[in-house]
PDB file of all heavy atoms in Angstrom:
ATOM      1  N   LEU A   1     -25.895   6.233  14.724  1.00  0.00           N
ATOM      2  CA  LEU A   1     -24.494   5.768  14.476  1.00  0.00           C
ATOM      3  C   LEU A   1     -24.474   4.241  14.174  1.00  0.00           C
ATOM      4  O   LEU A   1     -23.761   3.696  13.386  1.00  0.00           O
ATOM      5  CB  LEU A   1     -23.513   6.165  15.478  1.00  0.00           C
ATOM      6  CG  LEU A   1     -23.222   7.562  15.618  1.00  0.00           C
ATOM      7  CD1 LEU A   1     -22.313   7.857  16.834  1.00  0.00           C
ATOM      8  CD2 LEU A   1     -22.464   8.117  14.374  1.00  0.00           C
ATOM      9  N   PHE A   2     -25.396   3.406  14.802  1.00  0.00           N
ATOM     10  CA  PHE A   2     -25.408   2.022  14.606  1.00  0.00           C
ATOM     11  C   PHE A   2     -25.898   1.820  13.289  1.00  0.00           C
ATOM     12  O   PHE A   2     -25.386   0.899  12.513  1.00  0.00           O
ATOM     13  CB  PHE A   2     -26.380   1.395  15.736  1.00  0.00           C
ATOM     14  CG  PHE A   2     -26.619  -0.100  15.353  1.00  0.00           C
ATOM     15  CD1 PHE A   2     -25.673  -1.100  15.605  1.00  0.00           C
ATOM     16  CD2 PHE A   2     -28.004  -0.287  14.879  1.00  0.00           C
ATOM     17  CE1 PHE A   2     -26.072  -2.364  15.275  1.00  0.00           C
ATOM     18  CE2 PHE A   2     -28.308  -1.647  14.607  1.00  0.00           C
ATOM     19  CZ  PHE A   2     -27.370  -2.688  14.845  1.00  0.00           C
ATOM     20  N   ILE A   3     -27.081   2.506  12.793  1.00  0.00           N
ATOM     21  CA  ILE A   3     -27.661   2.266  11.496  1.00  0.00           C
ATOM     22  C   ILE A   3     -26.520   2.633  10.436  1.00  0.00           C
ATOM     23  O   ILE A   3     -26.371   1.948   9.539  1.00  0.00           O
ATOM     24  CB  ILE A   3     -29.008   3.066  11.390  1.00  0.00           C
ATOM     25  CG1 ILE A   3     -29.953   2.493  12.423  1.00  0.00           C
ATOM     26  CG2 ILE A   3     -29.392   3.062   9.984  1.00  0.00           C
ATOM     27  CD1 ILE A   3     -31.171   3.326  12.396  1.00  0.00           C
ATOM     28  N   ALA A   4     -25.978   3.831  10.713  1.00  0.00           N
ATOM     29  CA  ALA A   4     -24.883   4.290   9.740  1.00  0.00           C
ATOM     30  C   ALA A   4     -23.802   3.327   9.619  1.00  0.00           C
ATOM     31  O   ALA A   4     -23.239   3.095   8.581  1.00  0.00           O
ATOM     32  CB  ALA A   4     -24.417   5.673  10.243  1.00  0.00           C
ATOM     33  N   SER A   5     -23.429   2.802  10.754  1.00  0.00           N
ATOM     34  CA  SER A   5     -22.252   1.811  10.779  1.00  0.00           C
ATOM     35  C   SER A   5     -22.634   0.535   9.872  1.00  0.00           C
ATOM     36  O   SER A   5     -21.792   0.066   9.147  1.00  0.00           O
ATOM     37  CB  SER A   5     -21.917   1.313  12.174  1.00  0.00           C
ATOM     38  OG  SER A   5     -21.421   2.466  12.862  1.00  0.00           O
ATOM     39  N   TYR A   6     -23.863   0.013  10.023  1.00  0.00           N
ATOM     40  CA  TYR A   6     -24.302  -1.177   9.336  1.00  0.00           C
ATOM     41  C   TYR A   6     -24.256  -0.830   7.791  1.00  0.00           C
ATOM     42  O   TYR A   6     -23.865  -1.559   6.971  1.00  0.00           O
ATOM     43  CB  TYR A   6     -25.687  -1.661   9.787  1.00  0.00           C
ATOM     44  CG  TYR A   6     -26.185  -2.760   9.025  1.00  0.00           C
ATOM     45  CD1 TYR A   6     -25.774  -4.101   9.535  1.00  0.00           C
ATOM     46  CD2 TYR A   6     -26.963  -2.658   7.851  1.00  0.00           C
ATOM     47  CE1 TYR A   6     -26.283  -5.200   8.869  1.00  0.00           C
ATOM     48  CE2 TYR A   6     -27.376  -3.833   7.245  1.00  0.00           C
ATOM     49  CZ  TYR A   6     -27.039  -5.021   7.747  1.00  0.00           C
ATOM     50  OH  TYR A   6     -27.513  -6.168   7.064  1.00  0.00           O
ATOM     51  N   VAL A   7     -24.863   0.269   7.451  1.00  0.00           N
ATOM     52  CA  VAL A   7     -24.973   0.576   6.026  1.00  0.00           C
ATOM     53  C   VAL A   7     -23.520   0.962   5.398  1.00  0.00           C
ATOM     54  O   VAL A   7     -23.235   0.468   4.360  1.00  0.00           O
ATOM     55  CB  VAL A   7     -25.821   1.967   5.906  1.00  0.00           C
ATOM     56  CG1 VAL A   7     -25.739   2.443   4.421  1.00  0.00           C
ATOM     57  CG2 VAL A   7     -27.255   1.820   6.257  1.00  0.00           C
ATOM     58  N   LEU A   8     -22.774   1.599   6.308  1.00  0.00           N
ATOM     59  CA  LEU A   8     -21.421   1.946   5.751  1.00  0.00           C
ATOM     60  C   LEU A   8     -20.578   0.602   5.516  1.00  0.00           C
ATOM     61  O   LEU A   8     -19.832   0.512   4.470  1.00  0.00           O
ATOM     62  CB  LEU A   8     -20.723   2.809   6.697  1.00  0.00           C
ATOM     63  CG  LEU A   8     -19.313   3.345   6.325  1.00  0.00           C
ATOM     64  CD1 LEU A   8     -19.415   4.218   5.134  1.00  0.00           C
ATOM     65  CD2 LEU A   8     -18.694   4.080   7.587  1.00  0.00           C
ATOM     66  N   LEU A   9     -20.724  -0.332   6.408  1.00  0.00           N
ATOM     67  CA  LEU A   9     -19.940  -1.491   6.362  1.00  0.00           C
ATOM     68  C   LEU A   9     -20.321  -2.512   5.231  1.00  0.00           C
ATOM     69  O   LEU A   9     -19.425  -3.126   4.640  1.00  0.00           O
ATOM     70  CB  LEU A   9     -19.851  -2.224   7.728  1.00  0.00           C
ATOM     71  CG  LEU A   9     -18.774  -3.292   7.999  1.00  0.00           C
ATOM     72  CD1 LEU A   9     -17.470  -2.662   7.742  1.00  0.00           C
ATOM     73  CD2 LEU A   9     -18.920  -3.967   9.273  1.00  0.00           C
ATOM     74  N   TYR A  10     -21.643  -2.613   5.050  1.00  0.00           N
ATOM     75  CA  TYR A  10     -22.127  -3.660   4.182  1.00  0.00           C
ATOM     76  C   TYR A  10     -22.882  -3.190   2.983  1.00  0.00           C
ATOM     77  O   TYR A  10     -23.067  -3.976   2.047  1.00  0.00           O
ATOM     78  CB  TYR A  10     -23.197  -4.579   5.031  1.00  0.00           C
ATOM     79  CG  TYR A  10     -22.589  -5.321   6.053  1.00  0.00           C
ATOM     80  CD1 TYR A  10     -22.741  -5.133   7.410  1.00  0.00           C
ATOM     81  CD2 TYR A  10     -21.646  -6.502   5.780  1.00  0.00           C
ATOM     82  CE1 TYR A  10     -22.153  -5.854   8.402  1.00  0.00           C
ATOM     83  CE2 TYR A  10     -20.965  -7.134   6.779  1.00  0.00           C
ATOM     84  CZ  TYR A  10     -21.276  -6.870   8.106  1.00  0.00           C
ATOM     85  OH  TYR A  10     -20.765  -7.522   9.049  1.00  0.00           O
ATOM     86  N   LYS A  11     -23.162  -1.962   2.815  1.00  0.00           N
ATOM     87  CA  LYS A  11     -23.926  -1.405   1.682  1.00  0.00           C
ATOM     88  C   LYS A  11     -23.108  -0.368   0.862  1.00  0.00           C
ATOM     89  O   LYS A  11     -23.769   0.216   0.011  1.00  0.00           O
ATOM     90  CB  LYS A  11     -25.298  -0.744   2.213  1.00  0.00           C
ATOM     91  CG  LYS A  11     -26.067  -1.698   3.050  1.00  0.00           C
ATOM     92  CD  LYS A  11     -26.562  -2.967   2.234  1.00  0.00           C
ATOM     93  CE  LYS A  11     -27.484  -3.831   3.145  1.00  0.00           C
ATOM     94  NZ  LYS A  11     -27.908  -4.973   2.329  1.00  0.00           N
ATOM     95  N   THR A  12     -21.895  -0.164   1.046  1.00  0.00           N
ATOM     96  CA  THR A  12     -21.183   0.899   0.351  1.00  0.00           C
ATOM     97  C   THR A  12     -19.908   0.253  -0.128  1.00  0.00           C
ATOM     98  O   THR A  12     -19.333  -0.769   0.339  1.00  0.00           O
ATOM     99  CB  THR A  12     -20.764   2.034   1.362  1.00  0.00           C
ATOM    100  OG1 THR A  12     -19.953   1.651   2.325  1.00  0.00           O
ATOM    101  CG2 THR A  12     -22.089   2.703   1.866  1.00  0.00           C
ATOM    102  N   ARG A  13     -19.283   0.975  -1.097  1.00  0.00           N
ATOM    103  CA  ARG A  13     -18.042   0.512  -1.632  1.00  0.00           C
ATOM    104  C   ARG A  13     -16.940   0.641  -0.628  1.00  0.00           C
ATOM    105  O   ARG A  13     -15.968  -0.139  -0.600  1.00  0.00           O
ATOM    106  CB  ARG A  13     -17.639   1.303  -2.895  1.00  0.00           C
ATOM    107  CG  ARG A  13     -16.392   1.026  -3.692  1.00  0.00           C
ATOM    108  CD  ARG A  13     -16.239   1.879  -4.735  1.00  0.00           C
ATOM    109  NE  ARG A  13     -17.156   1.909  -5.819  1.00  0.00           N
ATOM    110  CZ  ARG A  13     -17.134   2.513  -6.890  1.00  0.00           C
ATOM    111  NH1 ARG A  13     -16.297   3.495  -7.063  1.00  0.00           N
ATOM    112  NH2 ARG A  13     -18.140   2.421  -7.765  1.00  0.00           N
ATOM    113  N   PHE A  14     -17.117   1.656   0.221  1.00  0.00           N
ATOM    114  CA  PHE A  14     -16.000   1.920   1.208  1.00  0.00           C
ATOM    115  C   PHE A  14     -15.926   0.678   2.112  1.00  0.00           C
ATOM    116  O   PHE A  14     -14.837   0.276   2.627  1.00  0.00           O
ATOM    117  CB  PHE A  14     -16.419   3.149   2.029  1.00  0.00           C
ATOM    118  CG  PHE A  14     -15.548   3.462   3.213  1.00  0.00           C
ATOM    119  CD1 PHE A  14     -14.168   4.027   3.148  1.00  0.00           C
ATOM    120  CD2 PHE A  14     -16.019   3.013   4.457  1.00  0.00           C
ATOM    121  CE1 PHE A  14     -13.511   4.093   4.307  1.00  0.00           C
ATOM    122  CE2 PHE A  14     -15.161   3.112   5.627  1.00  0.00           C
ATOM    123  CZ  PHE A  14     -13.931   3.695   5.551  1.00  0.00           C
ATOM    124  N   GLY A  15     -17.173   0.239   2.570  1.00  0.00           N
ATOM    125  CA  GLY A  15     -17.146  -0.931   3.478  1.00  0.00           C
ATOM    126  C   GLY A  15     -16.561  -2.110   2.953  1.00  0.00           C
ATOM    127  O   GLY A  15     -15.940  -2.908   3.591  1.00  0.00           O
ATOM    128  N   LEU A  16     -16.813  -2.349   1.674  1.00  0.00           N
ATOM    129  CA  LEU A  16     -16.308  -3.595   0.975  1.00  0.00           C
ATOM    130  C   LEU A  16     -14.741  -3.427   0.884  1.00  0.00           C
ATOM    131  O   LEU A  16     -14.113  -4.419   1.163  1.00  0.00           O
ATOM    132  CB  LEU A  16     -16.955  -3.692  -0.489  1.00  0.00           C
ATOM    133  CG  LEU A  16     -16.400  -4.768  -1.296  1.00  0.00           C
ATOM    134  CD1 LEU A  16     -16.780  -6.156  -0.567  1.00  0.00           C
ATOM    135  CD2 LEU A  16     -17.062  -4.792  -2.698  1.00  0.00           C
ATOM    136  N   ARG A  17     -14.243  -2.280   0.631  1.00  0.00           N
ATOM    137  CA  ARG A  17     -12.793  -2.109   0.454  1.00  0.00           C
ATOM    138  C   ARG A  17     -12.162  -2.266   1.894  1.00  0.00           C
ATOM    139  O   ARG A  17     -11.105  -2.865   2.028  1.00  0.00           O
ATOM    140  CB  ARG A  17     -12.564  -0.828  -0.030  1.00  0.00           C
ATOM    141  CG  ARG A  17     -12.894  -0.668  -1.483  1.00  0.00           C
ATOM    142  CD  ARG A  17     -12.556   0.705  -2.168  1.00  0.00           C
ATOM    143  NE  ARG A  17     -12.644   0.725  -3.611  1.00  0.00           N
ATOM    144  CZ  ARG A  17     -12.471   1.706  -4.382  1.00  0.00           C
ATOM    145  NH1 ARG A  17     -12.025   2.937  -3.840  1.00  0.00           N
ATOM    146  NH2 ARG A  17     -12.645   1.664  -5.611  1.00  0.00           N
ATOM    147  N   LEU A  18     -12.785  -1.646   2.912  1.00  0.00           N
ATOM    148  CA  LEU A  18     -12.420  -1.784   4.272  1.00  0.00           C
ATOM    149  C   LEU A  18     -12.232  -3.222   4.681  1.00  0.00           C
ATOM    150  O   LEU A  18     -11.179  -3.668   5.291  1.00  0.00           O
ATOM    151  CB  LEU A  18     -13.284  -1.029   5.234  1.00  0.00           C
ATOM    152  CG  LEU A  18     -12.736  -0.838   6.608  1.00  0.00           C
ATOM    153  CD1 LEU A  18     -11.787   0.121   6.726  1.00  0.00           C
ATOM    154  CD2 LEU A  18     -13.903  -0.746   7.660  1.00  0.00           C
ATOM    155  N   ARG A  19     -13.259  -4.036   4.476  1.00  0.00           N
ATOM    156  CA  ARG A  19     -13.227  -5.426   4.898  1.00  0.00           C
ATOM    157  C   ARG A  19     -12.257  -6.209   4.069  1.00  0.00           C
ATOM    158  O   ARG A  19     -11.570  -7.127   4.564  1.00  0.00           O
ATOM    159  CB  ARG A  19     -14.569  -6.036   4.658  1.00  0.00           C
ATOM    160  CG  ARG A  19     -15.636  -5.490   5.759  1.00  0.00           C
ATOM    161  CD  ARG A  19     -16.941  -6.195   5.716  1.00  0.00           C
ATOM    162  NE  ARG A  19     -17.777  -5.592   4.493  1.00  0.00           N
ATOM    163  CZ  ARG A  19     -18.417  -6.309   3.643  1.00  0.00           C
ATOM    164  NH1 ARG A  19     -18.406  -7.622   3.610  1.00  0.00           N
ATOM    165  NH2 ARG A  19     -18.946  -5.643   2.747  1.00  0.00           N
ATOM    166  N   ALA A  20     -12.039  -5.844   2.822  1.00  0.00           N
ATOM    167  CA  ALA A  20     -11.040  -6.529   1.930  1.00  0.00           C
ATOM    168  C   ALA A  20      -9.596  -6.267   2.535  1.00  0.00           C
ATOM    169  O   ALA A  20      -8.780  -7.214   2.584  1.00  0.00           O
ATOM    170  CB  ALA A  20     -11.041  -6.008   0.451  1.00  0.00           C
ATOM    171  N   CYS A  21      -9.368  -5.090   3.021  1.00  0.00           N
ATOM    172  CA  CYS A  21      -8.106  -4.693   3.614  1.00  0.00           C
ATOM    173  C   CYS A  21      -7.810  -5.618   4.941  1.00  0.00           C
ATOM    174  O   CYS A  21      -6.621  -5.760   5.309  1.00  0.00           O
ATOM    175  CB  CYS A  21      -7.940  -3.227   3.958  1.00  0.00           C
ATOM    176  SG  CYS A  21      -7.924  -2.249   2.419  1.00  0.00           S
ATOM    177  N   GLY A  22      -8.786  -5.978   5.609  1.00  0.00           N
ATOM    178  CA  GLY A  22      -8.653  -6.715   6.769  1.00  0.00           C
ATOM    179  C   GLY A  22      -8.533  -8.175   6.545  1.00  0.00           C
ATOM    180  O   GLY A  22      -8.101  -8.933   7.391  1.00  0.00           O
ATOM    181  N   GLU A  23      -9.047  -8.700   5.371  1.00  0.00           N
ATOM    182  CA  GLU A  23      -9.041 -10.083   5.059  1.00  0.00           C
ATOM    183  C   GLU A  23      -7.802 -10.396   4.117  1.00  0.00           C
ATOM    184  O   GLU A  23      -7.149 -11.399   4.586  1.00  0.00           O
ATOM    185  CB  GLU A  23     -10.355 -10.453   4.219  1.00  0.00           C
ATOM    186  CG  GLU A  23     -11.621 -10.352   5.089  1.00  0.00           C
ATOM    187  CD  GLU A  23     -11.611 -11.399   6.233  1.00  0.00           C
ATOM    188  OE1 GLU A  23     -10.939 -12.471   6.041  1.00  0.00           O
ATOM    189  OE2 GLU A  23     -12.339 -11.159   7.179  1.00  0.00           O
ATOM    190  N   HIS A  24      -7.526  -9.655   3.096  1.00  0.00           N
ATOM    191  CA  HIS A  24      -6.496  -9.999   2.220  1.00  0.00           C
ATOM    192  C   HIS A  24      -5.883  -8.696   1.697  1.00  0.00           C
ATOM    193  O   HIS A  24      -6.329  -8.288   0.546  1.00  0.00           O
ATOM    194  CB  HIS A  24      -6.892 -10.923   1.188  1.00  0.00           C
ATOM    195  CG  HIS A  24      -5.685 -11.777   0.617  1.00  0.00           C
ATOM    196  ND1 HIS A  24      -4.631 -11.127   0.099  1.00  0.00           N
ATOM    197  CD2 HIS A  24      -5.516 -13.179   0.399  1.00  0.00           C
ATOM    198  CE1 HIS A  24      -3.743 -12.014  -0.409  1.00  0.00           C
ATOM    199  NE2 HIS A  24      -4.201 -13.238  -0.181  1.00  0.00           N
ATOM    200  N   PRO A  25      -5.092  -8.015   2.429  1.00  0.00           N
ATOM    201  CA  PRO A  25      -4.552  -6.676   1.942  1.00  0.00           C
ATOM    202  C   PRO A  25      -3.794  -6.667   0.701  1.00  0.00           C
ATOM    203  O   PRO A  25      -3.884  -5.755  -0.142  1.00  0.00           O
ATOM    204  CB  PRO A  25      -3.684  -6.132   3.149  1.00  0.00           C
ATOM    205  CG  PRO A  25      -3.377  -7.293   3.924  1.00  0.00           C
ATOM    206  CD  PRO A  25      -4.567  -8.299   3.681  1.00  0.00           C
ATOM    207  N   GLN A  26      -3.039  -7.807   0.368  1.00  0.00           N
ATOM    208  CA  GLN A  26      -2.358  -7.855  -0.846  1.00  0.00           C
ATOM    209  C   GLN A  26      -3.280  -7.926  -1.991  1.00  0.00           C
ATOM    210  O   GLN A  26      -3.059  -7.315  -3.111  1.00  0.00           O
ATOM    211  CB  GLN A  26      -1.489  -9.089  -0.911  1.00  0.00           C
ATOM    212  CG  GLN A  26      -0.255  -9.002   0.034  1.00  0.00           C
ATOM    213  CD  GLN A  26      -0.550  -9.284   1.541  1.00  0.00           C
ATOM    214  OE1 GLN A  26      -1.597  -9.695   1.885  1.00  0.00           O
ATOM    215  NE2 GLN A  26       0.360  -9.005   2.394  1.00  0.00           N
ATOM    216  N   ALA A  27      -4.379  -8.684  -1.941  1.00  0.00           N
ATOM    217  CA  ALA A  27      -5.381  -8.761  -3.079  1.00  0.00           C
ATOM    218  C   ALA A  27      -5.983  -7.375  -3.255  1.00  0.00           C
ATOM    219  O   ALA A  27      -6.283  -6.932  -4.317  1.00  0.00           O
ATOM    220  CB  ALA A  27      -6.427  -9.892  -2.745  1.00  0.00           C
ATOM    221  N   ALA A  28      -6.317  -6.748  -2.130  1.00  0.00           N
ATOM    222  CA  ALA A  28      -6.944  -5.427  -2.230  1.00  0.00           C
ATOM    223  C   ALA A  28      -6.075  -4.405  -2.875  1.00  0.00           C
ATOM    224  O   ALA A  28      -6.500  -3.681  -3.777  1.00  0.00           O
ATOM    225  CB  ALA A  28      -7.249  -4.934  -0.779  1.00  0.00           C
ATOM    226  N   ASP A  29      -4.819  -4.527  -2.522  1.00  0.00           N
ATOM    227  CA  ASP A  29      -3.757  -3.617  -3.126  1.00  0.00           C
ATOM    228  C   ASP A  29      -3.775  -3.898  -4.768  1.00  0.00           C
ATOM    229  O   ASP A  29      -3.463  -2.970  -5.463  1.00  0.00           O
ATOM    230  CB  ASP A  29      -2.394  -3.856  -2.462  1.00  0.00           C
ATOM    231  CG  ASP A  29      -1.454  -2.609  -2.794  1.00  0.00           C
ATOM    232  OD1 ASP A  29      -1.826  -1.656  -3.499  1.00  0.00           O
ATOM    233  OD2 ASP A  29      -0.288  -2.702  -2.416  1.00  0.00           O
ATOM    234  N   SER A  30      -3.777  -5.093  -5.038  1.00  0.00           N
ATOM    235  CA  SER A  30      -3.495  -5.496  -6.432  1.00  0.00           C
ATOM    236  C   SER A  30      -4.671  -4.930  -7.358  1.00  0.00           C
ATOM    237  O   SER A  30      -4.427  -4.836  -8.561  1.00  0.00           O
ATOM    238  CB  SER A  30      -3.524  -7.061  -6.498  1.00  0.00           C
ATOM    239  OG  SER A  30      -4.906  -7.557  -6.379  1.00  0.00           O
ATOM    240  N   VAL A  31      -5.789  -4.498  -6.750  1.00  0.00           N
ATOM    241  CA  VAL A  31      -6.890  -4.031  -7.599  1.00  0.00           C
ATOM    242  C   VAL A  31      -7.017  -2.478  -7.428  1.00  0.00           C
ATOM    243  O   VAL A  31      -7.992  -1.834  -7.721  1.00  0.00           O
ATOM    244  CB  VAL A  31      -8.220  -4.647  -7.325  1.00  0.00           C
ATOM    245  CG1 VAL A  31      -8.243  -6.081  -7.728  1.00  0.00           C
ATOM    246  CG2 VAL A  31      -8.617  -4.619  -5.873  1.00  0.00           C
ATOM    247  N   GLY A  32      -5.895  -1.894  -6.828  1.00  0.00           N
ATOM    248  CA  GLY A  32      -5.823  -0.417  -6.677  1.00  0.00           C
ATOM    249  C   GLY A  32      -6.390   0.234  -5.430  1.00  0.00           C
ATOM    250  O   GLY A  32      -6.379   1.406  -5.234  1.00  0.00           O
ATOM    251  N   ILE A  33      -6.668  -0.560  -4.430  1.00  0.00           N
ATOM    252  CA  ILE A  33      -7.143  -0.007  -3.125  1.00  0.00           C
ATOM    253  C   ILE A  33      -5.859   0.364  -2.271  1.00  0.00           C
ATOM    254  O   ILE A  33      -4.925  -0.407  -2.189  1.00  0.00           O
ATOM    255  CB  ILE A  33      -7.956  -1.042  -2.349  1.00  0.00           C
ATOM    256  CG1 ILE A  33      -9.230  -1.450  -3.056  1.00  0.00           C
ATOM    257  CG2 ILE A  33      -8.416  -0.624  -0.891  1.00  0.00           C
ATOM    258  CD1 ILE A  33     -10.065  -2.548  -2.466  1.00  0.00           C
ATOM    259  N   ASN A  34      -5.765   1.496  -1.769  1.00  0.00           N
ATOM    260  CA  ASN A  34      -4.777   2.052  -0.916  1.00  0.00           C
ATOM    261  C   ASN A  34      -4.882   1.451   0.552  1.00  0.00           C
ATOM    262  O   ASN A  34      -5.890   1.952   1.205  1.00  0.00           O
ATOM    263  CB  ASN A  34      -4.705   3.511  -0.895  1.00  0.00           C
ATOM    264  CG  ASN A  34      -3.477   4.142  -0.195  1.00  0.00           C
ATOM    265  OD1 ASN A  34      -3.024   3.595   0.788  1.00  0.00           O
ATOM    266  ND2 ASN A  34      -2.884   5.163  -0.829  1.00  0.00           N
ATOM    267  N   VAL A  35      -4.278   0.360   0.840  1.00  0.00           N
ATOM    268  CA  VAL A  35      -4.414  -0.301   2.051  1.00  0.00           C
ATOM    269  C   VAL A  35      -4.103   0.721   3.289  1.00  0.00           C
ATOM    270  O   VAL A  35      -4.849   0.612   4.298  1.00  0.00           O
ATOM    271  CB  VAL A  35      -3.560  -1.601   2.151  1.00  0.00           C
ATOM    272  CG1 VAL A  35      -3.696  -2.330   3.459  1.00  0.00           C
ATOM    273  CG2 VAL A  35      -3.886  -2.521   1.054  1.00  0.00           C
ATOM    274  N   TYR A  36      -3.045   1.508   3.114  1.00  0.00           N
ATOM    275  CA  TYR A  36      -2.716   2.279   4.317  1.00  0.00           C
ATOM    276  C   TYR A  36      -3.799   3.259   4.644  1.00  0.00           C
ATOM    277  O   TYR A  36      -4.114   3.566   5.699  1.00  0.00           O
ATOM    278  CB  TYR A  36      -1.468   3.081   3.888  1.00  0.00           C
ATOM    279  CG  TYR A  36      -0.270   2.206   3.702  1.00  0.00           C
ATOM    280  CD1 TYR A  36       0.527   2.195   2.545  1.00  0.00           C
ATOM    281  CD2 TYR A  36       0.201   1.263   4.662  1.00  0.00           C
ATOM    282  CE1 TYR A  36       1.573   1.443   2.247  1.00  0.00           C
ATOM    283  CE2 TYR A  36       1.189   0.325   4.425  1.00  0.00           C
ATOM    284  CZ  TYR A  36       2.034   0.510   3.304  1.00  0.00           C
ATOM    285  OH  TYR A  36       3.044  -0.374   3.106  1.00  0.00           O
ATOM    286  N   LYS A  37      -4.406   3.912   3.428  1.00  0.00           N
ATOM    287  CA  LYS A  37      -5.492   4.831   3.667  1.00  0.00           C
ATOM    288  C   LYS A  37      -6.728   4.244   4.326  1.00  0.00           C
ATOM    289  O   LYS A  37      -7.344   4.848   5.224  1.00  0.00           O
ATOM    290  CB  LYS A  37      -5.832   5.537   2.343  1.00  0.00           C
ATOM    291  CG  LYS A  37      -4.868   6.558   1.848  1.00  0.00           C
ATOM    292  CD  LYS A  37      -5.318   7.342   0.724  1.00  0.00           C
ATOM    293  CE  LYS A  37      -4.419   8.305   0.268  1.00  0.00           C
ATOM    294  NZ  LYS A  37      -4.802   8.934  -0.993  1.00  0.00           N
ATOM    295  N   MET A  38      -7.052   3.039   3.849  1.00  0.00           N
ATOM    296  CA  MET A  38      -8.271   2.329   4.413  1.00  0.00           C
ATOM    297  C   MET A  38      -7.998   1.945   5.896  1.00  0.00           C
ATOM    298  O   MET A  38      -8.857   1.987   6.681  1.00  0.00           O
ATOM    299  CB  MET A  38      -8.462   1.045   3.524  1.00  0.00           C
ATOM    300  CG  MET A  38      -8.860   1.394   2.035  1.00  0.00           C
ATOM    301  SD  MET A  38     -10.269   2.528   1.981  1.00  0.00           S
ATOM    302  CE  MET A  38     -11.612   1.628   2.751  1.00  0.00           C
ATOM    303  N   ARG A  39      -6.802   1.526   6.223  1.00  0.00           N
ATOM    304  CA  ARG A  39      -6.528   1.125   7.607  1.00  0.00           C
ATOM    305  C   ARG A  39      -6.554   2.415   8.504  1.00  0.00           C
ATOM    306  O   ARG A  39      -7.075   2.413   9.695  1.00  0.00           O
ATOM    307  CB  ARG A  39      -5.190   0.630   7.710  1.00  0.00           C
ATOM    308  CG  ARG A  39      -5.248  -0.848   7.228  1.00  0.00           C
ATOM    309  CD  ARG A  39      -4.089  -1.739   7.477  1.00  0.00           C
ATOM    310  NE  ARG A  39      -4.277  -3.135   7.211  1.00  0.00           N
ATOM    311  CZ  ARG A  39      -3.526  -4.147   7.522  1.00  0.00           C
ATOM    312  NH1 ARG A  39      -2.366  -3.952   8.101  1.00  0.00           N
ATOM    313  NH2 ARG A  39      -3.803  -5.334   7.161  1.00  0.00           N
ATOM    314  N   TYR A  40      -6.071   3.595   8.030  1.00  0.00           N
ATOM    315  CA  TYR A  40      -6.164   4.885   8.730  1.00  0.00           C
ATOM    316  C   TYR A  40      -7.676   5.163   8.902  1.00  0.00           C
ATOM    317  O   TYR A  40      -7.921   5.782   9.950  1.00  0.00           O
ATOM    318  CB  TYR A  40      -5.450   5.938   7.961  1.00  0.00           C
ATOM    319  CG  TYR A  40      -4.127   6.233   8.640  1.00  0.00           C
ATOM    320  CD1 TYR A  40      -2.995   6.075   7.999  1.00  0.00           C
ATOM    321  CD2 TYR A  40      -4.022   6.857   9.896  1.00  0.00           C
ATOM    322  CE1 TYR A  40      -1.665   6.287   8.385  1.00  0.00           C
ATOM    323  CE2 TYR A  40      -2.900   7.129  10.573  1.00  0.00           C
ATOM    324  CZ  TYR A  40      -1.616   6.972   9.710  1.00  0.00           C
ATOM    325  OH  TYR A  40      -0.442   7.221  10.307  1.00  0.00           O
ATOM    326  N   ALA A  41      -8.507   5.012   7.801  1.00  0.00           N
ATOM    327  CA  ALA A  41      -9.886   5.377   7.969  1.00  0.00           C
ATOM    328  C   ALA A  41     -10.576   4.416   8.944  1.00  0.00           C
ATOM    329  O   ALA A  41     -11.388   4.908   9.852  1.00  0.00           O
ATOM    330  CB  ALA A  41     -10.555   5.109   6.561  1.00  0.00           C
ATOM    331  N   GLY A  42     -10.284   3.178   9.070  1.00  0.00           N
ATOM    332  CA  GLY A  42     -10.744   2.393  10.177  1.00  0.00           C
ATOM    333  C   GLY A  42     -10.325   2.648  11.534  1.00  0.00           C
ATOM    334  O   GLY A  42     -11.149   2.741  12.429  1.00  0.00           O
TER     335      GLY A  42
END
């Protein structure tokens, strides 16, 4: 799970979107990322 967490957070599109929602959700939303879904996923 530790290895999977590292890969998921830093090596996938999902991880990039997740981190974007925690840093600047308005910017993430402006490019089509569903902030609510990503926060639920986290």
